[in-house]
Amino acid sequence: MTTKTKALLGISLTSFLISATGVLWGLFLPVGAIVFGLFIIFYMLGKESALFDEEQRLRRSLADKYASDSRSSQKPSDGTVPFAVPLRS
């Protein structure tokens, strides 16, 4: 669990405990429920977002690698675009 996830869980449990004592029950019970919902979302999507970030880093590095390879190997001398598609009339 990340720091954000642990903080949300702590806030949620604290809010539920405060509402159980009867002090400001109408305030802390909904706050605890909302923060607990956020905790569940963060907890369930934590690993997925880490995998997504890693996948995007890999794709970006591959795209940069192939872009630099293609730029160095194909430089047109007449200033045209190497892969231009002619427009249809």
C-alpha atoms as a PDB file:
ATOM      1  CA  MET A   1       0.000   0.000   0.000  1.00  0.00           C
ATOM      2  CA  THR A   2       1.187   3.471  -0.799  1.00  0.00           C
ATOM      3  CA  THR A   3       1.279   6.361   1.614  1.00  0.00           C
ATOM      4  CA  LYS A   4      -1.914   7.830   0.157  1.00  0.00           C
ATOM      5  CA  THR A   5      -3.747   4.553   0.599  1.00  0.00           C
ATOM      6  CA  LYS A   6      -2.587   4.193   4.194  1.00  0.00           C
ATOM      7  CA  ALA A   7      -3.576   7.777   4.956  1.00  0.00           C
ATOM      8  CA  LEU A   8      -7.067   7.242   3.515  1.00  0.00           C
ATOM      9  CA  LEU A   9      -7.497   4.092   5.572  1.00  0.00           C
ATOM     10  CA  GLY A  10      -6.349   5.864   8.721  1.00  0.00           C
ATOM     11  CA  ILE A  11      -8.685   8.823   8.143  1.00  0.00           C
ATOM     12  CA  SER A  12     -11.570   6.472   7.422  1.00  0.00           C
ATOM     13  CA  LEU A  13     -11.054   4.380  10.553  1.00  0.00           C
ATOM     14  CA  THR A  14     -10.583   7.476  12.692  1.00  0.00           C
ATOM     15  CA  SER A  15     -13.790   9.007  11.351  1.00  0.00           C
ATOM     16  CA  PHE A  16     -15.731   5.807  12.017  1.00  0.00           C
ATOM     17  CA  LEU A  17     -14.367   5.580  15.575  1.00  0.00           C
ATOM     18  CA  ILE A  18     -15.243   9.201  16.292  1.00  0.00           C
ATOM     19  CA  SER A  19     -18.761   8.695  14.914  1.00  0.00           C
ATOM     20  CA  ALA A  20     -19.178   5.580  17.101  1.00  0.00           C
ATOM     21  CA  THR A  21     -18.672   7.692  20.217  1.00  0.00           C
ATOM     22  CA  GLY A  22     -21.645   9.853  19.286  1.00  0.00           C
ATOM     23  CA  VAL A  23     -19.672  13.074  18.919  1.00  0.00           C
ATOM     24  CA  LEU A  24     -20.775  14.787  15.711  1.00  0.00           C
ATOM     25  CA  TRP A  25     -22.202  11.511  14.435  1.00  0.00           C
ATOM     26  CA  GLY A  26     -23.862  13.231  11.485  1.00  0.00           C
ATOM     27  CA  LEU A  27     -20.561  14.646  10.286  1.00  0.00           C
ATOM     28  CA  PHE A  28     -17.986  11.919  10.837  1.00  0.00           C
ATOM     29  CA  LEU A  29     -20.009   8.908   9.651  1.00  0.00           C
ATOM     30  CA  PRO A  30     -20.502  10.228   6.070  1.00  0.00           C
ATOM     31  CA  VAL A  31     -16.916  11.489   5.952  1.00  0.00           C
ATOM     32  CA  GLY A  32     -15.688   8.054   7.025  1.00  0.00           C
ATOM     33  CA  ALA A  33     -17.831   6.348   4.386  1.00  0.00           C
ATOM     34  CA  ILE A  34     -16.634   8.638   1.595  1.00  0.00           C
ATOM     35  CA  VAL A  35     -12.982   8.296   2.563  1.00  0.00           C
ATOM     36  CA  PHE A  36     -13.395   4.517   2.861  1.00  0.00           C
ATOM     37  CA  GLY A  37     -14.771   4.474  -0.696  1.00  0.00           C
ATOM     38  CA  LEU A  38     -11.729   6.423  -1.869  1.00  0.00           C
ATOM     39  CA  PHE A  39      -9.484   3.968  -0.023  1.00  0.00           C
ATOM     40  CA  ILE A  40     -11.084   1.018  -1.835  1.00  0.00           C
ATOM     41  CA  ILE A  41     -10.662   2.728  -5.210  1.00  0.00           C
ATOM     42  CA  PHE A  42      -7.012   3.586  -4.528  1.00  0.00           C
ATOM     43  CA  TYR A  43      -6.315   0.087  -3.211  1.00  0.00           C
ATOM     44  CA  MET A  44      -7.897  -1.705  -6.165  1.00  0.00           C
ATOM     45  CA  LEU A  45      -6.344   0.506  -8.834  1.00  0.00           C
ATOM     46  CA  GLY A  46      -2.900   0.897  -7.267  1.00  0.00           C
ATOM     47  CA  LYS A  47      -1.296  -2.054  -8.993  1.00  0.00           C
ATOM     48  CA  GLU A  48      -3.092  -1.363 -12.265  1.00  0.00           C
ATOM     49  CA  SER A  49      -1.833   2.205 -12.413  1.00  0.00           C
ATOM     50  CA  ALA A  50       1.725   1.043 -11.698  1.00  0.00           C
ATOM     51  CA  LEU A  51       1.505  -1.481 -14.551  1.00  0.00           C
ATOM     52  CA  PHE A  52       0.041   1.165 -16.846  1.00  0.00           C
ATOM     53  CA  ASP A  53       2.853   3.613 -16.023  1.00  0.00           C
ATOM     54  CA  GLU A  54       5.483   0.965 -16.700  1.00  0.00           C
ATOM     55  CA  GLU A  55       3.842   0.019 -19.999  1.00  0.00           C
ATOM     56  CA  GLN A  56       3.717   3.661 -21.096  1.00  0.00           C
ATOM     57  CA  ARG A  57       7.399   4.154 -20.173  1.00  0.00           C
ATOM     58  CA  LEU A  58       8.313   1.096 -22.241  1.00  0.00           C
ATOM     59  CA  ARG A  59       6.273   2.269 -25.230  1.00  0.00           C
ATOM     60  CA  ARG A  60       7.768   5.742 -25.015  1.00  0.00           C
ATOM     61  CA  SER A  61      11.329   4.409 -24.899  1.00  0.00           C
ATOM     62  CA  LEU A  62      10.693   2.117 -27.872  1.00  0.00           C
ATOM     63  CA  ALA A  63       9.104   4.951 -29.844  1.00  0.00           C
ATOM     64  CA  ASP A  64      12.046   7.242 -29.095  1.00  0.00           C
ATOM     65  CA  LYS A  65      14.516   4.513 -30.058  1.00  0.00           C
ATOM     66  CA  TYR A  66      12.866   3.787 -33.401  1.00  0.00           C
ATOM     67  CA  ALA A  67      12.300   7.460 -34.142  1.00  0.00           C
ATOM     68  CA  SER A  68      15.983   8.249 -33.617  1.00  0.00           C
ATOM     69  CA  ASP A  69      16.993   5.219 -35.732  1.00  0.00           C
ATOM     70  CA  SER A  70      14.732   6.207 -38.606  1.00  0.00           C
ATOM     71  CA  ARG A  71      15.844   9.869 -38.480  1.00  0.00           C
ATOM     72  CA  SER A  72      19.506   8.955 -38.702  1.00  0.00           C
ATOM     73  CA  SER A  73      19.109   6.412 -41.512  1.00  0.00           C
ATOM     74  CA  GLN A  74      16.645   8.279 -43.762  1.00  0.00           C
ATOM     75  CA  LYS A  75      17.389  11.890 -44.506  1.00  0.00           C
ATOM     76  CA  PRO A  76      16.037  13.065 -47.852  1.00  0.00           C
ATOM     77  CA  SER A  77      18.417  15.382 -49.674  1.00  0.00           C
ATOM     78  CA  ASP A  78      15.702  17.341 -51.491  1.00  0.00           C
ATOM     79  CA  GLY A  79      13.820  18.361 -48.315  1.00  0.00           C
ATOM     80  CA  THR A  80      10.694  16.252 -48.917  1.00  0.00           C
ATOM     81  CA  VAL A  81       8.882  14.214 -46.314  1.00  0.00           C
ATOM     82  CA  PRO A  82      10.001  10.564 -46.630  1.00  0.00           C
ATOM     83  CA  PHE A  83       6.603   8.924 -46.131  1.00  0.00           C
ATOM     84  CA  ALA A  84       4.225  11.455 -47.661  1.00  0.00           C
ATOM     85  CA  VAL A  85       1.027  10.099 -49.161  1.00  0.00           C
ATOM     86  CA  PRO A  86      -0.092  11.894 -52.345  1.00  0.00           C
ATOM     87  CA  LEU A  87      -3.483  13.590 -52.123  1.00  0.00           C
ATOM     88  CA  ARG A  88      -6.250  12.338 -54.373  1.00  0.00           C
ATOM     89  CA  SER A  89      -7.882  14.854 -56.675  1.00  0.00           C
END
